[in-house]
Amino acid sequence: MTTLSVTLVKVASQANISGQLIKDIVFLLAQLVHIFFFLLQGQFVLNANDEFAESIYNTFWYNTNTRTKLLLVLVLRSCSSAPNLSAGGLLVFNLKNFSEASISS
């Protein structure tokens, strides 16, 4: 994120169109795409967890035996705390954080 901010300052400080400006803009776009793909992977994990919990919730659990019902409850409880991919616990990888990061920079 720091590199993104530094690149934005470099682009904003250049008044005329030059080769360096174009190179900085291309580098800025490459950084945004790179961040987007990282955060998209975290969003895939969150979506898969939600789909898994929804498919378990929509099963015909009432037709199963007691042991299976208890196992389904345990699985649903474990799905309630979603797994998160994060950057050292500082930034959770999802598309909401990408939109916030791209707007703030």
PDB file of N, CA and C in Angstrom:
ATOM      1  N   MET A   1       0.817  -1.185   0.000  1.00  0.00           N
ATOM      2  CA  MET A   1       0.000   0.000   0.000  1.00  0.00           C
ATOM      3  C   MET A   1       0.866   1.256   0.000  1.00  0.00           C
ATOM      4  N   THR A   2       1.991   1.188   0.670  1.00  0.00           N
ATOM      5  CA  THR A   2       2.873   2.342   0.708  1.00  0.00           C
ATOM      6  C   THR A   2       3.421   2.636  -0.679  1.00  0.00           C
ATOM      7  N   THR A   3       3.784   1.598  -1.405  1.00  0.00           N
ATOM      8  CA  THR A   3       4.300   1.784  -2.753  1.00  0.00           C
ATOM      9  C   THR A   3       3.245   2.398  -3.652  1.00  0.00           C
ATOM     10  N   LEU A   4       2.007   2.000  -3.453  1.00  0.00           N
ATOM     11  CA  LEU A   4       0.905   2.564  -4.225  1.00  0.00           C
ATOM     12  C   LEU A   4       0.770   4.059  -3.954  1.00  0.00           C
ATOM     13  N   SER A   5       0.874   4.450  -2.713  1.00  0.00           N
ATOM     14  CA  SER A   5       0.768   5.868  -2.353  1.00  0.00           C
ATOM     15  C   SER A   5       1.934   6.678  -2.917  1.00  0.00           C
ATOM     16  N   VAL A   6       3.126   6.118  -2.850  1.00  0.00           N
ATOM     17  CA  VAL A   6       4.300   6.813  -3.389  1.00  0.00           C
ATOM     18  C   VAL A   6       4.162   6.989  -4.894  1.00  0.00           C
ATOM     19  N   THR A   7       3.683   5.972  -5.585  1.00  0.00           N
ATOM     20  CA  THR A   7       3.496   6.067  -7.031  1.00  0.00           C
ATOM     21  C   THR A   7       2.440   7.109  -7.373  1.00  0.00           C
ATOM     22  N   LEU A   8       1.373   7.162  -6.582  1.00  0.00           N
ATOM     23  CA  LEU A   8       0.345   8.182  -6.820  1.00  0.00           C
ATOM     24  C   LEU A   8       0.898   9.592  -6.639  1.00  0.00           C
ATOM     25  N   VAL A   9       1.743   9.785  -5.646  1.00  0.00           N
ATOM     26  CA  VAL A   9       2.353  11.102  -5.432  1.00  0.00           C
ATOM     27  C   VAL A   9       3.261  11.450  -6.600  1.00  0.00           C
ATOM     28  N   LYS A  10       4.025  10.475  -7.090  1.00  0.00           N
ATOM     29  CA  LYS A  10       4.904  10.726  -8.236  1.00  0.00           C
ATOM     30  C   LYS A  10       4.101  11.114  -9.464  1.00  0.00           C
ATOM     31  N   VAL A  11       2.984  10.420  -9.701  1.00  0.00           N
ATOM     32  CA  VAL A  11       2.154  10.724 -10.872  1.00  0.00           C
ATOM     33  C   VAL A  11       1.525  12.108 -10.725  1.00  0.00           C
ATOM     34  N   ALA A  12       1.046  12.432  -9.534  1.00  0.00           N
ATOM     35  CA  ALA A  12       0.384  13.721  -9.320  1.00  0.00           C
ATOM     36  C   ALA A  12       1.356  14.893  -9.398  1.00  0.00           C
ATOM     37  N   SER A  13       2.619  14.662  -9.082  1.00  0.00           N
ATOM     38  CA  SER A  13       3.584  15.764  -9.067  1.00  0.00           C
ATOM     39  C   SER A  13       4.137  16.092 -10.456  1.00  0.00           C
ATOM     40  N   GLN A  14       3.931  15.221 -11.418  1.00  0.00           N
ATOM     41  CA  GLN A  14       4.460  15.473 -12.757  1.00  0.00           C
ATOM     42  C   GLN A  14       3.444  16.281 -13.562  1.00  0.00           C
ATOM     43  N   ALA A  15       3.890  17.416 -14.092  1.00  0.00           N
ATOM     44  CA  ALA A  15       2.983  18.329 -14.787  1.00  0.00           C
ATOM     45  C   ALA A  15       2.829  17.978 -16.266  1.00  0.00           C
ATOM     46  N   ASN A  16       3.904  17.610 -16.915  1.00  0.00           N
ATOM     47  CA  ASN A  16       3.816  17.344 -18.351  1.00  0.00           C
ATOM     48  C   ASN A  16       3.860  15.843 -18.628  1.00  0.00           C
ATOM     49  N   ILE A  17       3.355  15.483 -19.782  1.00  0.00           N
ATOM     50  CA  ILE A  17       3.337  14.073 -20.174  1.00  0.00           C
ATOM     51  C   ILE A  17       4.721  13.706 -20.701  1.00  0.00           C
ATOM     52  N   SER A  18       5.322  12.719 -20.055  1.00  0.00           N
ATOM     53  CA  SER A  18       6.651  12.273 -20.459  1.00  0.00           C
ATOM     54  C   SER A  18       6.700  10.752 -20.385  1.00  0.00           C
ATOM     55  N   GLY A  19       7.822  10.216 -20.760  1.00  0.00           N
ATOM     56  CA  GLY A  19       8.006   8.771 -20.688  1.00  0.00           C
ATOM     57  C   GLY A  19       7.962   8.267 -19.259  1.00  0.00           C
ATOM     58  N   GLN A  20       8.505   9.059 -18.335  1.00  0.00           N
ATOM     59  CA  GLN A  20       8.494   8.679 -16.918  1.00  0.00           C
ATOM     60  C   GLN A  20       7.070   8.654 -16.375  1.00  0.00           C
ATOM     61  N   LEU A  21       6.235   9.595 -16.789  1.00  0.00           N
ATOM     62  CA  LEU A  21       4.842   9.630 -16.338  1.00  0.00           C
ATOM     63  C   LEU A  21       4.086   8.399 -16.822  1.00  0.00           C
ATOM     64  N   ILE A  22       4.284   8.041 -18.056  1.00  0.00           N
ATOM     65  CA  ILE A  22       3.608   6.858 -18.605  1.00  0.00           C
ATOM     66  C   ILE A  22       4.081   5.601 -17.889  1.00  0.00           C
ATOM     67  N   LYS A  23       5.387   5.530 -17.615  1.00  0.00           N
ATOM     68  CA  LYS A  23       5.924   4.380 -16.894  1.00  0.00           C
ATOM     69  C   LYS A  23       5.345   4.296 -15.482  1.00  0.00           C
ATOM     70  N   ASP A  24       5.203   5.433 -14.822  1.00  0.00           N
ATOM     71  CA  ASP A  24       4.621   5.447 -13.476  1.00  0.00           C
ATOM     72  C   ASP A  24       3.147   5.053 -13.495  1.00  0.00           C
ATOM     73  N   ILE A  25       2.414   5.497 -14.501  1.00  0.00           N
ATOM     74  CA  ILE A  25       0.996   5.137 -14.605  1.00  0.00           C
ATOM     75  C   ILE A  25       0.837   3.644 -14.858  1.00  0.00           C
ATOM     76  N   VAL A  26       1.664   3.087 -15.725  1.00  0.00           N
ATOM     77  CA  VAL A  26       1.607   1.639 -15.980  1.00  0.00           C
ATOM     78  C   VAL A  26       1.964   0.867 -14.718  1.00  0.00           C
ATOM     79  N   PHE A  27       2.962   1.341 -13.978  1.00  0.00           N
ATOM     80  CA  PHE A  27       3.340   0.695 -12.723  1.00  0.00           C
ATOM     81  C   PHE A  27       2.209   0.781 -11.708  1.00  0.00           C
ATOM     82  N   LEU A  28       1.530   1.914 -11.653  1.00  0.00           N
ATOM     83  CA  LEU A  28       0.391   2.095 -10.754  1.00  0.00           C
ATOM     84  C   LEU A  28      -0.736   1.126 -11.099  1.00  0.00           C
ATOM     85  N   LEU A  29      -1.047   0.995 -12.366  1.00  0.00           N
ATOM     86  CA  LEU A  29      -2.096   0.056 -12.784  1.00  0.00           C
ATOM     87  C   LEU A  29      -1.704  -1.386 -12.490  1.00  0.00           C
ATOM     88  N   ALA A  30      -0.435  -1.717 -12.671  1.00  0.00           N
ATOM     89  CA  ALA A  30       0.024  -3.074 -12.356  1.00  0.00           C
ATOM     90  C   ALA A  30      -0.102  -3.355 -10.865  1.00  0.00           C
ATOM     91  N   GLN A  31       0.186  -2.359 -10.033  1.00  0.00           N
ATOM     92  CA  GLN A  31       0.023  -2.531  -8.587  1.00  0.00           C
ATOM     93  C   GLN A  31      -1.438  -2.754  -8.221  1.00  0.00           C
ATOM     94  N   LEU A  32      -2.338  -1.998  -8.832  1.00  0.00           N
ATOM     95  CA  LEU A  32      -3.765  -2.167  -8.551  1.00  0.00           C
ATOM     96  C   LEU A  32      -4.263  -3.546  -8.969  1.00  0.00           C
ATOM     97  N   VAL A  33      -3.821  -4.019 -10.118  1.00  0.00           N
ATOM     98  CA  VAL A  33      -4.221  -5.356 -10.573  1.00  0.00           C
ATOM     99  C   VAL A  33      -3.658  -6.420  -9.641  1.00  0.00           C
ATOM    100  N   HIS A  34      -2.431  -6.247  -9.202  1.00  0.00           N
ATOM    101  CA  HIS A  34      -1.794  -7.201  -8.293  1.00  0.00           C
ATOM    102  C   HIS A  34      -2.553  -7.274  -6.967  1.00  0.00           C
ATOM    103  N   ILE A  35      -2.886  -6.127  -6.404  1.00  0.00           N
ATOM    104  CA  ILE A  35      -3.659  -6.092  -5.159  1.00  0.00           C
ATOM    105  C   ILE A  35      -5.035  -6.702  -5.372  1.00  0.00           C
ATOM    106  N   PHE A  36      -5.646  -6.407  -6.524  1.00  0.00           N
ATOM    107  CA  PHE A  36      -6.973  -6.949  -6.818  1.00  0.00           C
ATOM    108  C   PHE A  36      -6.961  -8.475  -6.818  1.00  0.00           C
ATOM    109  N   PHE A  37      -5.964  -9.083  -7.435  1.00  0.00           N
ATOM    110  CA  PHE A  37      -5.927 -10.547  -7.491  1.00  0.00           C
ATOM    111  C   PHE A  37      -5.684 -11.169  -6.120  1.00  0.00           C
ATOM    112  N   PHE A  38      -4.886 -10.529  -5.287  1.00  0.00           N
ATOM    113  CA  PHE A  38      -4.716 -11.033  -3.921  1.00  0.00           C
ATOM    114  C   PHE A  38      -6.029 -10.991  -3.153  1.00  0.00           C
ATOM    115  N   LEU A  39      -6.708  -9.868  -3.222  1.00  0.00           N
ATOM    116  CA  LEU A  39      -7.943  -9.710  -2.467  1.00  0.00           C
ATOM    117  C   LEU A  39      -9.075 -10.542  -3.055  1.00  0.00           C
ATOM    118  N   LEU A  40      -9.025 -10.812  -4.340  1.00  0.00           N
ATOM    119  CA  LEU A  40     -10.032 -11.663  -4.971  1.00  0.00           C
ATOM    120  C   LEU A  40      -9.936 -13.102  -4.463  1.00  0.00           C
ATOM    121  N   GLN A  41      -8.727 -13.578  -4.203  1.00  0.00           N
ATOM    122  CA  GLN A  41      -8.566 -14.930  -3.655  1.00  0.00           C
ATOM    123  C   GLN A  41      -9.216 -15.048  -2.288  1.00  0.00           C
ATOM    124  N   GLY A  42      -9.080 -14.039  -1.461  1.00  0.00           N
ATOM    125  CA  GLY A  42      -9.732 -14.040  -0.161  1.00  0.00           C
ATOM    126  C   GLY A  42     -11.241 -14.014  -0.285  1.00  0.00           C
ATOM    127  N   GLN A  43     -11.744 -13.296  -1.292  1.00  0.00           N
ATOM    128  CA  GLN A  43     -13.191 -13.263  -1.517  1.00  0.00           C
ATOM    129  C   GLN A  43     -13.695 -14.635  -1.951  1.00  0.00           C
ATOM    130  N   PHE A  44     -12.908 -15.361  -2.747  1.00  0.00           N
ATOM    131  CA  PHE A  44     -13.295 -16.720  -3.145  1.00  0.00           C
ATOM    132  C   PHE A  44     -13.416 -17.630  -1.928  1.00  0.00           C
ATOM    133  N   VAL A  45     -12.514 -17.489  -0.964  1.00  0.00           N
ATOM    134  CA  VAL A  45     -12.579 -18.302   0.254  1.00  0.00           C
ATOM    135  C   VAL A  45     -13.851 -17.984   1.032  1.00  0.00           C
ATOM    136  N   LEU A  46     -14.172 -16.708   1.166  1.00  0.00           N
ATOM    137  CA  LEU A  46     -15.391 -16.320   1.879  1.00  0.00           C
ATOM    138  C   LEU A  46     -16.644 -16.828   1.173  1.00  0.00           C
ATOM    139  N   ASN A  47     -16.668 -16.719  -0.156  1.00  0.00           N
ATOM    140  CA  ASN A  47     -17.831 -17.191  -0.911  1.00  0.00           C
ATOM    141  C   ASN A  47     -17.989 -18.700  -0.806  1.00  0.00           C
ATOM    142  N   ALA A  48     -16.885 -19.432  -0.859  1.00  0.00           N
ATOM    143  CA  ALA A  48     -16.958 -20.892  -0.747  1.00  0.00           C
ATOM    144  C   ALA A  48     -17.472 -21.303   0.624  1.00  0.00           C
ATOM    145  N   ASN A  49     -17.056 -20.609   1.665  1.00  0.00           N
ATOM    146  CA  ASN A  49     -17.540 -20.904   3.010  1.00  0.00           C
ATOM    147  C   ASN A  49     -19.042 -20.644   3.106  1.00  0.00           C
ATOM    148  N   ASP A  50     -19.502 -19.538   2.534  1.00  0.00           N
ATOM    149  CA  ASP A  50     -20.932 -19.226   2.567  1.00  0.00           C
ATOM    150  C   ASP A  50     -21.753 -20.247   1.785  1.00  0.00           C
ATOM    151  N   GLU A  51     -21.249 -20.653   0.620  1.00  0.00           N
ATOM    152  CA  GLU A  51     -21.962 -21.652  -0.181  1.00  0.00           C
ATOM    153  C   GLU A  51     -22.015 -22.996   0.535  1.00  0.00           C
ATOM    154  N   PHE A  52     -20.932 -23.356   1.207  1.00  0.00           N
ATOM    155  CA  PHE A  52     -20.889 -24.620   1.937  1.00  0.00           C
ATOM    156  C   PHE A  52     -21.895 -24.611   3.078  1.00  0.00           C
ATOM    157  N   ALA A  53     -21.932 -23.521   3.831  1.00  0.00           N
ATOM    158  CA  ALA A  53     -22.880 -23.416   4.942  1.00  0.00           C
ATOM    159  C   ALA A  53     -24.318 -23.427   4.439  1.00  0.00           C
ATOM    160  N   GLU A  54     -24.562 -22.770   3.328  1.00  0.00           N
ATOM    161  CA  GLU A  54     -25.917 -22.744   2.769  1.00  0.00           C
ATOM    162  C   GLU A  54     -26.347 -24.115   2.266  1.00  0.00           C
ATOM    163  N   SER A  55     -25.420 -24.856   1.666  1.00  0.00           N
ATOM    164  CA  SER A  55     -25.782 -26.191   1.178  1.00  0.00           C
ATOM    165  C   SER A  55     -26.055 -27.148   2.335  1.00  0.00           C
ATOM    166  N   ILE A  56     -25.334 -27.011   3.430  1.00  0.00           N
ATOM    167  CA  ILE A  56     -25.611 -27.849   4.600  1.00  0.00           C
ATOM    168  C   ILE A  56     -26.950 -27.458   5.216  1.00  0.00           C
ATOM    169  N   TYR A  57     -27.210 -26.157   5.258  1.00  0.00           N
ATOM    170  CA  TYR A  57     -28.463 -25.685   5.840  1.00  0.00           C
ATOM    171  C   TYR A  57     -29.667 -26.173   5.032  1.00  0.00           C
ATOM    172  N   ASN A  58     -29.505 -26.295   3.719  1.00  0.00           N
ATOM    173  CA  ASN A  58     -30.611 -26.697   2.851  1.00  0.00           C
ATOM    174  C   ASN A  58     -30.740 -28.209   2.675  1.00  0.00           C
ATOM    175  N   THR A  59     -29.952 -29.000   3.379  1.00  0.00           N
ATOM    176  CA  THR A  59     -30.077 -30.454   3.272  1.00  0.00           C
ATOM    177  C   THR A  59     -31.344 -30.927   3.972  1.00  0.00           C
ATOM    178  N   PHE A  60     -31.716 -32.145   3.691  1.00  0.00           N
ATOM    179  CA  PHE A  60     -32.870 -32.758   4.355  1.00  0.00           C
ATOM    180  C   PHE A  60     -32.397 -33.386   5.661  1.00  0.00           C
ATOM    181  N   TRP A  61     -31.991 -32.527   6.588  1.00  0.00           N
ATOM    182  CA  TRP A  61     -31.414 -32.982   7.847  1.00  0.00           C
ATOM    183  C   TRP A  61     -32.426 -33.722   8.702  1.00  0.00           C
ATOM    184  N   TYR A  62     -33.684 -33.439   8.527  1.00  0.00           N
ATOM    185  CA  TYR A  62     -34.713 -34.065   9.361  1.00  0.00           C
ATOM    186  C   TYR A  62     -34.942 -35.518   8.982  1.00  0.00           C
ATOM    187  N   ASN A  63     -34.403 -35.955   7.844  1.00  0.00           N
ATOM    188  CA  ASN A  63     -34.528 -37.353   7.433  1.00  0.00           C
ATOM    189  C   ASN A  63     -33.331 -38.193   7.863  1.00  0.00           C
ATOM    190  N   THR A  64     -32.383 -37.606   8.575  1.00  0.00           N
ATOM    191  CA  THR A  64     -31.172 -38.334   8.961  1.00  0.00           C
ATOM    192  C   THR A  64     -31.260 -38.778  10.416  1.00  0.00           C
ATOM    193  N   ASN A  65     -30.282 -39.576  10.797  1.00  0.00           N
ATOM    194  CA  ASN A  65     -30.267 -40.047  12.186  1.00  0.00           C
ATOM    195  C   ASN A  65     -29.718 -38.962  13.119  1.00  0.00           C
ATOM    196  N   THR A  66     -29.775 -39.214  14.395  1.00  0.00           N
ATOM    197  CA  THR A  66     -29.409 -38.217  15.404  1.00  0.00           C
ATOM    198  C   THR A  66     -27.934 -37.842  15.331  1.00  0.00           C
ATOM    199  N   ARG A  67     -27.085 -38.811  15.088  1.00  0.00           N
ATOM    200  CA  ARG A  67     -25.648 -38.535  15.020  1.00  0.00           C
ATOM    201  C   ARG A  67     -25.335 -37.588  13.856  1.00  0.00           C
ATOM    202  N   THR A  68     -25.945 -37.820  12.715  1.00  0.00           N
ATOM    203  CA  THR A  68     -25.715 -36.952  11.561  1.00  0.00           C
ATOM    204  C   THR A  68     -26.250 -35.548  11.822  1.00  0.00           C
ATOM    205  N   LYS A  69     -27.379 -35.452  12.499  1.00  0.00           N
ATOM    206  CA  LYS A  69     -27.925 -34.135  12.842  1.00  0.00           C
ATOM    207  C   LYS A  69     -26.953 -33.356  13.719  1.00  0.00           C
ATOM    208  N   LEU A  70     -26.365 -34.040  14.687  1.00  0.00           N
ATOM    209  CA  LEU A  70     -25.399 -33.372  15.565  1.00  0.00           C
ATOM    210  C   LEU A  70     -24.145 -32.943  14.798  1.00  0.00           C
ATOM    211  N   LEU A  71     -23.709 -33.786  13.873  1.00  0.00           N
ATOM    212  CA  LEU A  71     -22.547 -33.423  13.062  1.00  0.00           C
ATOM    213  C   LEU A  71     -22.849 -32.214  12.174  1.00  0.00           C
ATOM    214  N   LEU A  72     -24.053 -32.163  11.636  1.00  0.00           N
ATOM    215  CA  LEU A  72     -24.425 -31.017  10.808  1.00  0.00           C
ATOM    216  C   LEU A  72     -24.464 -29.726  11.630  1.00  0.00           C
ATOM    217  N   VAL A  73     -24.914 -29.824  12.864  1.00  0.00           N
ATOM    218  CA  VAL A  73     -24.913 -28.649  13.738  1.00  0.00           C
ATOM    219  C   VAL A  73     -23.480 -28.192  14.002  1.00  0.00           C
ATOM    220  N   LEU A  74     -22.586 -29.139  14.236  1.00  0.00           N
ATOM    221  CA  LEU A  74     -21.180 -28.777  14.468  1.00  0.00           C
ATOM    222  C   LEU A  74     -20.561 -28.109  13.243  1.00  0.00           C
ATOM    223  N   VAL A  75     -20.867 -28.642  12.077  1.00  0.00           N
ATOM    224  CA  VAL A  75     -20.315 -28.060  10.853  1.00  0.00           C
ATOM    225  C   VAL A  75     -20.877 -26.660  10.629  1.00  0.00           C
ATOM    226  N   LEU A  76     -22.164 -26.485  10.871  1.00  0.00           N
ATOM    227  CA  LEU A  76     -22.753 -25.152  10.713  1.00  0.00           C
ATOM    228  C   LEU A  76     -22.155 -24.149  11.693  1.00  0.00           C
ATOM    229  N   ARG A  77     -21.878 -24.591  12.899  1.00  0.00           N
ATOM    230  CA  ARG A  77     -21.255 -23.686  13.876  1.00  0.00           C
ATOM    231  C   ARG A  77     -19.841 -23.317  13.453  1.00  0.00           C
ATOM    232  N   SER A  78     -19.116 -24.278  12.880  1.00  0.00           N
ATOM    233  CA  SER A  78     -17.757 -23.949  12.435  1.00  0.00           C
ATOM    234  C   SER A  78     -17.783 -23.026  11.219  1.00  0.00           C
ATOM    235  N   CYS A  79     -18.838 -23.105  10.415  1.00  0.00           N
ATOM    236  CA  CYS A  79     -18.957 -22.210   9.259  1.00  0.00           C
ATOM    237  C   CYS A  79     -19.371 -20.800   9.663  1.00  0.00           C
ATOM    238  N   SER A  80     -19.895 -20.645  10.867  1.00  0.00           N
ATOM    239  CA  SER A  80     -20.336 -19.309  11.282  1.00  0.00           C
ATOM    240  C   SER A  80     -19.156 -18.364  11.503  1.00  0.00           C
ATOM    241  N   SER A  81     -18.005 -18.893  11.870  1.00  0.00           N
ATOM    242  CA  SER A  81     -16.804 -18.056  11.952  1.00  0.00           C
ATOM    243  C   SER A  81     -16.016 -18.271  10.666  1.00  0.00           C
ATOM    244  N   ALA A  82     -16.185 -17.348   9.750  1.00  0.00           N
ATOM    245  CA  ALA A  82     -15.639 -17.497   8.403  1.00  0.00           C
ATOM    246  C   ALA A  82     -14.115 -17.475   8.416  1.00  0.00           C
ATOM    247  N   PRO A  83     -13.491 -18.337   7.619  1.00  0.00           N
ATOM    248  CA  PRO A  83     -12.032 -18.289   7.501  1.00  0.00           C
ATOM    249  C   PRO A  83     -11.638 -17.061   6.681  1.00  0.00           C
ATOM    250  N   ASN A  84     -10.602 -16.400   7.090  1.00  0.00           N
ATOM    251  CA  ASN A  84     -10.160 -15.194   6.396  1.00  0.00           C
ATOM    252  C   ASN A  84      -8.712 -15.331   5.976  1.00  0.00           C
ATOM    253  N   LEU A  85      -8.438 -14.962   4.751  1.00  0.00           N
ATOM    254  CA  LEU A  85      -7.059 -14.768   4.336  1.00  0.00           C
ATOM    255  C   LEU A  85      -6.711 -13.336   4.699  1.00  0.00           C
ATOM    256  N   SER A  86      -5.561 -13.155   5.309  1.00  0.00           N
ATOM    257  CA  SER A  86      -5.202 -11.796   5.715  1.00  0.00           C
ATOM    258  C   SER A  86      -3.713 -11.561   5.499  1.00  0.00           C
ATOM    259  N   ALA A  87      -3.378 -10.296   5.498  1.00  0.00           N
ATOM    260  CA  ALA A  87      -1.984  -9.887   5.363  1.00  0.00           C
ATOM    261  C   ALA A  87      -1.439  -9.615   6.754  1.00  0.00           C
ATOM    262  N   GLY A  88      -0.971 -10.645   7.409  1.00  0.00           N
ATOM    263  CA  GLY A  88      -0.395 -10.495   8.735  1.00  0.00           C
ATOM    264  C   GLY A  88      -1.384 -10.051   9.789  1.00  0.00           C
ATOM    265  N   GLY A  89      -2.650 -10.317   9.570  1.00  0.00           N
ATOM    266  CA  GLY A  89      -3.679  -9.904  10.506  1.00  0.00           C
ATOM    267  C   GLY A  89      -4.049  -8.433  10.396  1.00  0.00           C
ATOM    268  N   LEU A  90      -3.435  -7.711   9.469  1.00  0.00           N
ATOM    269  CA  LEU A  90      -3.716  -6.284   9.324  1.00  0.00           C
ATOM    270  C   LEU A  90      -4.836  -5.997   8.335  1.00  0.00           C
ATOM    271  N   LEU A  91      -4.885  -6.759   7.261  1.00  0.00           N
ATOM    272  CA  LEU A  91      -5.852  -6.512   6.200  1.00  0.00           C
ATOM    273  C   LEU A  91      -6.475  -7.830   5.801  1.00  0.00           C
ATOM    274  N   VAL A  92      -7.786  -7.916   5.900  1.00  0.00           N
ATOM    275  CA  VAL A  92      -8.495  -9.115   5.471  1.00  0.00           C
ATOM    276  C   VAL A  92      -8.687  -9.019   3.966  1.00  0.00           C
ATOM    277  N   PHE A  93      -8.358 -10.100   3.266  1.00  0.00           N
ATOM    278  CA  PHE A  93      -8.459 -10.103   1.813  1.00  0.00           C
ATOM    279  C   PHE A  93      -9.908 -10.322   1.397  1.00  0.00           C
ATOM    280  N   ASN A  94     -10.561  -9.277   0.919  1.00  0.00           N
ATOM    281  CA  ASN A  94     -11.876  -9.378   0.301  1.00  0.00           C
ATOM    282  C   ASN A  94     -12.079  -8.161  -0.591  1.00  0.00           C
ATOM    283  N   LEU A  95     -13.121  -8.197  -1.397  1.00  0.00           N
ATOM    284  CA  LEU A  95     -13.321  -7.124  -2.366  1.00  0.00           C
ATOM    285  C   LEU A  95     -13.767  -5.819  -1.710  1.00  0.00           C
ATOM    286  N   LYS A  96     -14.363  -5.905  -0.544  1.00  0.00           N
ATOM    287  CA  LYS A  96     -14.745  -4.685   0.173  1.00  0.00           C
ATOM    288  C   LYS A  96     -13.497  -3.886   0.529  1.00  0.00           C
ATOM    289  N   ASN A  97     -12.468  -4.573   1.005  1.00  0.00           N
ATOM    290  CA  ASN A  97     -11.227  -3.879   1.351  1.00  0.00           C
ATOM    291  C   ASN A  97     -10.514  -3.355   0.110  1.00  0.00           C
ATOM    292  N   PHE A  98     -10.669  -4.035  -1.027  1.00  0.00           N
ATOM    293  CA  PHE A  98     -10.071  -3.524  -2.260  1.00  0.00           C
ATOM    294  C   PHE A  98     -10.727  -2.210  -2.658  1.00  0.00           C
ATOM    295  N   SER A  99     -12.050  -2.159  -2.571  1.00  0.00           N
ATOM    296  CA  SER A  99     -12.724  -0.913  -2.947  1.00  0.00           C
ATOM    297  C   SER A  99     -12.355   0.217  -1.988  1.00  0.00           C
ATOM    298  N   GLU A 100     -12.223  -0.091  -0.703  1.00  0.00           N
ATOM    299  CA  GLU A 100     -11.818   0.938   0.259  1.00  0.00           C
ATOM    300  C   GLU A 100     -10.387   1.400  -0.004  1.00  0.00           C
ATOM    301  N   ALA A 101      -9.504   0.462  -0.334  1.00  0.00           N
ATOM    302  CA  ALA A 101      -8.107   0.825  -0.584  1.00  0.00           C
ATOM    303  C   ALA A 101      -7.969   1.624  -1.873  1.00  0.00           C
ATOM    304  N   SER A 102      -8.717   1.262  -2.900  1.00  0.00           N
ATOM    305  CA  SER A 102      -8.593   1.986  -4.162  1.00  0.00           C
ATOM    306  C   SER A 102      -9.224   3.371  -4.072  1.00  0.00           C
ATOM    307  N   ILE A 103     -10.273   3.529  -3.262  1.00  0.00           N
ATOM    308  CA  ILE A 103     -10.883   4.848  -3.095  1.00  0.00           C
ATOM    309  C   ILE A 103      -9.987   5.743  -2.243  1.00  0.00           C
ATOM    310  N   SER A 104      -9.386   5.186  -1.192  1.00  0.00           N
ATOM    311  CA  SER A 104      -8.559   6.002  -0.306  1.00  0.00           C
ATOM    312  C   SER A 104      -7.250   6.421  -0.955  1.00  0.00           C
ATOM    313  N   SER A 105      -6.761   5.646  -1.925  1.00  0.00           N
ATOM    314  CA  SER A 105      -5.520   6.042  -2.570  1.00  0.00           C
ATOM    315  C   SER A 105      -5.847   6.848  -3.782  1.00  0.00           C
TER     316      SER A 105
END
